[in-house]
């Protein structure tokens, strides 16, 4: 059996939503993870759910 560890990242910006979403997606991919779910809530909140076997953060 394996131990699950969870990571929550919160942030905010005044940058344009499409550009910010692209940067978040690229950062997740570069960390060795992949996006499993994505929600846009108006122009206020983006929610990205991602998985990683070994996420390389740093």
PDB file of N, CA and C in Angstrom:
ATOM      1  N   UNK A   1       0.833  -1.182   0.000  1.00  0.00           N
ATOM      2  CA  UNK A   1       0.000   0.000   0.000  1.00  0.00           C
ATOM      3  C   UNK A   1       0.877   1.245   0.000  1.00  0.00           C
ATOM      4  N   UNK A   2       0.419   2.315  -0.614  1.00  0.00           N
ATOM      5  CA  UNK A   2       1.209   3.529  -0.687  1.00  0.00           C
ATOM      6  C   UNK A   2       0.525   4.665   0.060  1.00  0.00           C
ATOM      7  N   UNK A   3       1.335   5.599   0.495  1.00  0.00           N
ATOM      8  CA  UNK A   3       0.829   6.753   1.227  1.00  0.00           C
ATOM      9  C   UNK A   3       0.564   7.890   0.250  1.00  0.00           C
ATOM     10  N   UNK A   4      -0.625   8.451   0.294  1.00  0.00           N
ATOM     11  CA  UNK A   4      -0.946   9.586  -0.556  1.00  0.00           C
ATOM     12  C   UNK A   4      -0.594  10.872   0.166  1.00  0.00           C
ATOM     13  N   UNK A   5       0.011  11.783  -0.559  1.00  0.00           N
ATOM     14  CA  UNK A   5       0.309  13.099  -0.026  1.00  0.00           C
ATOM     15  C   UNK A   5      -0.373  14.122  -0.921  1.00  0.00           C
ATOM     16  N   UNK A   6      -0.959  15.127  -0.311  1.00  0.00           N
ATOM     17  CA  UNK A   6      -1.684  16.137  -1.053  1.00  0.00           C
ATOM     18  C   UNK A   6      -0.959  17.466  -0.979  1.00  0.00           C
ATOM     19  N   UNK A   7      -1.055  18.202  -2.049  1.00  0.00           N
ATOM     20  CA  UNK A   7      -0.437  19.520  -2.146  1.00  0.00           C
ATOM     21  C   UNK A   7      -1.502  20.491  -2.622  1.00  0.00           C
ATOM     22  N   UNK A   8      -1.631  21.590  -1.944  1.00  0.00           N
ATOM     23  CA  UNK A   8      -2.576  22.625  -2.361  1.00  0.00           C
ATOM     24  C   UNK A   8      -1.798  23.898  -2.614  1.00  0.00           C
ATOM     25  N   UNK A   9      -1.997  24.466  -3.779  1.00  0.00           N
ATOM     26  CA  UNK A   9      -1.349  25.719  -4.151  1.00  0.00           C
ATOM     27  C   UNK A   9      -2.421  26.776  -4.352  1.00  0.00           C
ATOM     28  N   UNK A  10      -2.298  27.887  -3.677  1.00  0.00           N
ATOM     29  CA  UNK A  10      -3.217  29.014  -3.835  1.00  0.00           C
ATOM     30  C   UNK A  10      -2.421  30.224  -4.282  1.00  0.00           C
ATOM     31  N   UNK A  11      -3.025  31.016  -5.114  1.00  0.00           N
ATOM     32  CA  UNK A  11      -2.367  32.235  -5.556  1.00  0.00           C
ATOM     33  C   UNK A  11      -3.378  33.178  -6.166  1.00  0.00           C
ATOM     34  N   UNK A  12      -2.942  34.377  -6.438  1.00  0.00           N
ATOM     35  CA  UNK A  12      -3.820  35.337  -7.092  1.00  0.00           C
ATOM     36  C   UNK A  12      -2.985  36.235  -7.980  1.00  0.00           C
ATOM     37  N   UNK A  13      -3.636  36.805  -8.973  1.00  0.00           N
ATOM     38  CA  UNK A  13      -2.963  37.702  -9.893  1.00  0.00           C
ATOM     39  C   UNK A  13      -3.974  38.627 -10.531  1.00  0.00           C
ATOM     40  N   UNK A  14      -3.493  39.714 -11.048  1.00  0.00           N
ATOM     41  CA  UNK A  14      -4.339  40.625 -11.823  1.00  0.00           C
ATOM     42  C   UNK A  14      -4.066  40.463 -13.318  1.00  0.00           C
ATOM     43  N   UNK A  15      -3.262  39.460 -13.659  1.00  0.00           N
ATOM     44  CA  UNK A  15      -2.930  39.209 -15.064  1.00  0.00           C
ATOM     45  C   UNK A  15      -4.136  38.642 -15.809  1.00  0.00           C
ATOM     46  N   UNK A  16      -4.072  38.670 -17.105  1.00  0.00           N
ATOM     47  CA  UNK A  16      -5.142  38.192 -17.965  1.00  0.00           C
ATOM     48  C   UNK A  16      -5.340  36.687 -17.805  1.00  0.00           C
ATOM     49  N   UNK A  17      -6.592  36.227 -17.768  1.00  0.00           N
ATOM     50  CA  UNK A  17      -6.938  34.854 -17.411  1.00  0.00           C
ATOM     51  C   UNK A  17      -6.351  33.812 -18.362  1.00  0.00           C
ATOM     52  N   UNK A  18      -6.433  34.012 -19.661  1.00  0.00           N
ATOM     53  CA  UNK A  18      -5.943  33.013 -20.623  1.00  0.00           C
ATOM     54  C   UNK A  18      -4.427  32.852 -20.500  1.00  0.00           C
ATOM     55  N   UNK A  19      -3.715  33.943 -20.370  1.00  0.00           N
ATOM     56  CA  UNK A  19      -2.253  33.890 -20.220  1.00  0.00           C
ATOM     57  C   UNK A  19      -1.861  33.206 -18.910  1.00  0.00           C
ATOM     58  N   UNK A  20      -2.549  33.531 -17.845  1.00  0.00           N
ATOM     59  CA  UNK A  20      -2.258  32.917 -16.547  1.00  0.00           C
ATOM     60  C   UNK A  20      -2.520  31.418 -16.578  1.00  0.00           C
ATOM     61  N   UNK A  21      -3.626  31.007 -17.195  1.00  0.00           N
ATOM     62  CA  UNK A  21      -3.949  29.584 -17.311  1.00  0.00           C
ATOM     63  C   UNK A  21      -2.863  28.840 -18.081  1.00  0.00           C
ATOM     64  N   UNK A  22      -2.348  29.430 -19.137  1.00  0.00           N
ATOM     65  CA  UNK A  22      -1.271  28.808 -19.917  1.00  0.00           C
ATOM     66  C   UNK A  22      -0.009  28.647 -19.075  1.00  0.00           C
ATOM     67  N   UNK A  23       0.319  29.653 -18.258  1.00  0.00           N
ATOM     68  CA  UNK A  23       1.507  29.570 -17.399  1.00  0.00           C
ATOM     69  C   UNK A  23       1.356  28.478 -16.338  1.00  0.00           C
ATOM     70  N   UNK A  24       0.178  28.375 -15.742  1.00  0.00           N
ATOM     71  CA  UNK A  24      -0.073  27.341 -14.736  1.00  0.00           C
ATOM     72  C   UNK A  24       0.039  25.957 -15.364  1.00  0.00           C
ATOM     73  N   UNK A  25      -0.564  25.777 -16.524  1.00  0.00           N
ATOM     74  CA  UNK A  25      -0.504  24.494 -17.224  1.00  0.00           C
ATOM     75  C   UNK A  25       0.931  24.105 -17.546  1.00  0.00           C
ATOM     76  N   UNK A  26       1.715  25.050 -18.033  1.00  0.00           N
ATOM     77  CA  UNK A  26       3.117  24.782 -18.358  1.00  0.00           C
ATOM     78  C   UNK A  26       3.917  24.407 -17.111  1.00  0.00           C
ATOM     79  N   UNK A  27       3.691  25.100 -16.008  1.00  0.00           N
ATOM     80  CA  UNK A  27       4.411  24.803 -14.762  1.00  0.00           C
ATOM     81  C   UNK A  27       4.073  23.402 -14.248  1.00  0.00           C
ATOM     82  N   UNK A  28       2.807  23.024 -14.333  1.00  0.00           N
ATOM     83  CA  UNK A  28       2.402  21.686 -13.896  1.00  0.00           C
ATOM     84  C   UNK A  28       3.070  20.626 -14.767  1.00  0.00           C
ATOM     85  N   UNK A  29       3.079  20.830 -16.066  1.00  0.00           N
ATOM     86  CA  UNK A  29       3.725  19.885 -16.979  1.00  0.00           C
ATOM     87  C   UNK A  29       5.229  19.792 -16.735  1.00  0.00           C
ATOM     88  N   UNK A  30       5.882  20.908 -16.500  1.00  0.00           N
ATOM     89  CA  UNK A  30       7.326  20.909 -16.250  1.00  0.00           C
ATOM     90  C   UNK A  30       7.671  20.204 -14.938  1.00  0.00           C
ATOM     91  N   UNK A  31       6.726  20.156 -14.009  1.00  0.00           N
ATOM     92  CA  UNK A  31       6.953  19.484 -12.728  1.00  0.00           C
ATOM     93  C   UNK A  31       6.730  17.977 -12.835  1.00  0.00           C
ATOM     94  N   UNK A  32       6.356  17.505 -14.025  1.00  0.00           N
ATOM     95  CA  UNK A  32       6.160  16.079 -14.217  1.00  0.00           C
ATOM     96  C   UNK A  32       4.762  15.611 -13.862  1.00  0.00           C
ATOM     97  N   UNK A  33       3.820  16.521 -13.816  1.00  0.00           N
ATOM     98  CA  UNK A  33       2.438  16.192 -13.470  1.00  0.00           C
ATOM     99  C   UNK A  33       1.544  16.403 -14.690  1.00  0.00           C
ATOM    100  N   UNK A  34       0.285  16.021 -14.561  1.00  0.00           N
ATOM    101  CA  UNK A  34      -0.659  16.254 -15.652  1.00  0.00           C
ATOM    102  C   UNK A  34      -1.991  16.677 -15.066  1.00  0.00           C
ATOM    103  N   UNK A  35      -2.680  17.549 -15.793  1.00  0.00           N
ATOM    104  CA  UNK A  35      -3.962  18.086 -15.345  1.00  0.00           C
ATOM    105  C   UNK A  35      -5.044  17.046 -15.587  1.00  0.00           C
ATOM    106  N   UNK A  36      -5.817  16.747 -14.553  1.00  0.00           N
ATOM    107  CA  UNK A  36      -6.900  15.772 -14.669  1.00  0.00           C
ATOM    108  C   UNK A  36      -8.273  16.433 -14.707  1.00  0.00           C
ATOM    109  N   UNK A  37      -8.371  17.665 -14.245  1.00  0.00           N
ATOM    110  CA  UNK A  37      -9.647  18.370 -14.253  1.00  0.00           C
ATOM    111  C   UNK A  37      -9.368  19.868 -14.234  1.00  0.00           C
ATOM    112  N   UNK A  38     -10.277  20.645 -14.788  1.00  0.00           N
ATOM    113  CA  UNK A  38     -10.071  22.073 -14.932  1.00  0.00           C
ATOM    114  C   UNK A  38     -11.433  22.760 -14.904  1.00  0.00           C
ATOM    115  N   UNK A  39     -11.571  23.811 -14.098  1.00  0.00           N
ATOM    116  CA  UNK A  39     -12.828  24.568 -14.028  1.00  0.00           C
ATOM    117  C   UNK A  39     -12.525  26.055 -14.072  1.00  0.00           C
ATOM    118  N   UNK A  40     -13.325  26.777 -14.828  1.00  0.00           N
ATOM    119  CA  UNK A  40     -13.278  28.241 -14.836  1.00  0.00           C
ATOM    120  C   UNK A  40     -14.536  28.751 -14.143  1.00  0.00           C
ATOM    121  N   UNK A  41     -14.350  29.577 -13.150  1.00  0.00           N
ATOM    122  CA  UNK A  41     -15.473  30.184 -12.453  1.00  0.00           C
ATOM    123  C   UNK A  41     -15.455  31.672 -12.752  1.00  0.00           C
ATOM    124  N   UNK A  42     -16.245  32.055 -13.769  1.00  0.00           N
ATOM    125  CA  UNK A  42     -16.324  33.423 -14.239  1.00  0.00           C
ATOM    126  C   UNK A  42     -14.903  33.910 -14.556  1.00  0.00           C
ATOM    127  N   UNK A  43     -14.595  35.126 -14.237  1.00  0.00           N
ATOM    128  CA  UNK A  43     -13.244  35.642 -14.446  1.00  0.00           C
ATOM    129  C   UNK A  43     -12.557  35.809 -13.092  1.00  0.00           C
ATOM    130  N   UNK A  44     -13.038  35.055 -12.096  1.00  0.00           N
ATOM    131  CA  UNK A  44     -12.563  35.234 -10.726  1.00  0.00           C
ATOM    132  C   UNK A  44     -11.647  34.098 -10.291  1.00  0.00           C
ATOM    133  N   UNK A  45     -11.968  32.854 -10.674  1.00  0.00           N
ATOM    134  CA  UNK A  45     -11.263  31.705 -10.134  1.00  0.00           C
ATOM    135  C   UNK A  45     -11.041  30.641 -11.204  1.00  0.00           C
ATOM    136  N   UNK A  46      -9.845  30.116 -11.274  1.00  0.00           N
ATOM    137  CA  UNK A  46      -9.524  28.934 -12.074  1.00  0.00           C
ATOM    138  C   UNK A  46      -9.147  27.825 -11.104  1.00  0.00           C
ATOM    139  N   UNK A  47      -9.655  26.640 -11.336  1.00  0.00           N
ATOM    140  CA  UNK A  47      -9.331  25.499 -10.493  1.00  0.00           C
ATOM    141  C   UNK A  47      -8.687  24.418 -11.353  1.00  0.00           C
ATOM    142  N   UNK A  48      -7.474  24.021 -11.002  1.00  0.00           N
ATOM    143  CA  UNK A  48      -6.741  22.978 -11.718  1.00  0.00           C
ATOM    144  C   UNK A  48      -6.519  21.812 -10.769  1.00  0.00           C
ATOM    145  N   UNK A  49      -6.958  20.648 -11.140  1.00  0.00           N
ATOM    146  CA  UNK A  49      -6.679  19.435 -10.368  1.00  0.00           C
ATOM    147  C   UNK A  49      -5.639  18.655 -11.160  1.00  0.00           C
ATOM    148  N   UNK A  50      -4.569  18.236 -10.487  1.00  0.00           N
ATOM    149  CA  UNK A  50      -3.514  17.527 -11.207  1.00  0.00           C
ATOM    150  C   UNK A  50      -2.985  16.361 -10.400  1.00  0.00           C
ATOM    151  N   UNK A  51      -2.371  15.422 -11.104  1.00  0.00           N
ATOM    152  CA  UNK A  51      -1.773  14.233 -10.504  1.00  0.00           C
ATOM    153  C   UNK A  51      -0.302  14.162 -10.871  1.00  0.00           C
ATOM    154  N   UNK A  52       0.466  13.541 -10.000  1.00  0.00           N
ATOM    155  CA  UNK A  52       1.879  13.322 -10.279  1.00  0.00           C
ATOM    156  C   UNK A  52       2.377  12.127  -9.487  1.00  0.00           C
ATOM    157  N   UNK A  53       3.121  11.268 -10.158  1.00  0.00           N
ATOM    158  CA  UNK A  53       3.747  10.141  -9.458  1.00  0.00           C
ATOM    159  C   UNK A  53       4.860  10.678  -8.567  1.00  0.00           C
ATOM    160  N   UNK A  54       5.698  11.519  -9.105  1.00  0.00           N
ATOM    161  CA  UNK A  54       6.768  12.182  -8.367  1.00  0.00           C
ATOM    162  C   UNK A  54       6.884  13.599  -8.882  1.00  0.00           C
ATOM    163  N   UNK A  55       6.209  14.499  -8.254  1.00  0.00           N
ATOM    164  CA  UNK A  55       6.224  15.879  -8.691  1.00  0.00           C
ATOM    165  C   UNK A  55       7.562  16.514  -8.322  1.00  0.00           C
ATOM    166  N   UNK A  56       8.194  17.152  -9.279  1.00  0.00           N
ATOM    167  CA  UNK A  56       9.501  17.770  -9.066  1.00  0.00           C
ATOM    168  C   UNK A  56       9.295  19.262  -8.802  1.00  0.00           C
ATOM    169  N   UNK A  57       9.152  19.599  -7.554  1.00  0.00           N
ATOM    170  CA  UNK A  57       8.921  20.989  -7.180  1.00  0.00           C
ATOM    171  C   UNK A  57      10.230  21.643  -6.770  1.00  0.00           C
ATOM    172  N   UNK A  58      10.320  22.902  -7.072  1.00  0.00           N
ATOM    173  CA  UNK A  58      11.501  23.616  -6.619  1.00  0.00           C
ATOM    174  C   UNK A  58      11.914  24.715  -7.512  1.00  0.00           C
TER     175      UNK A  58
END
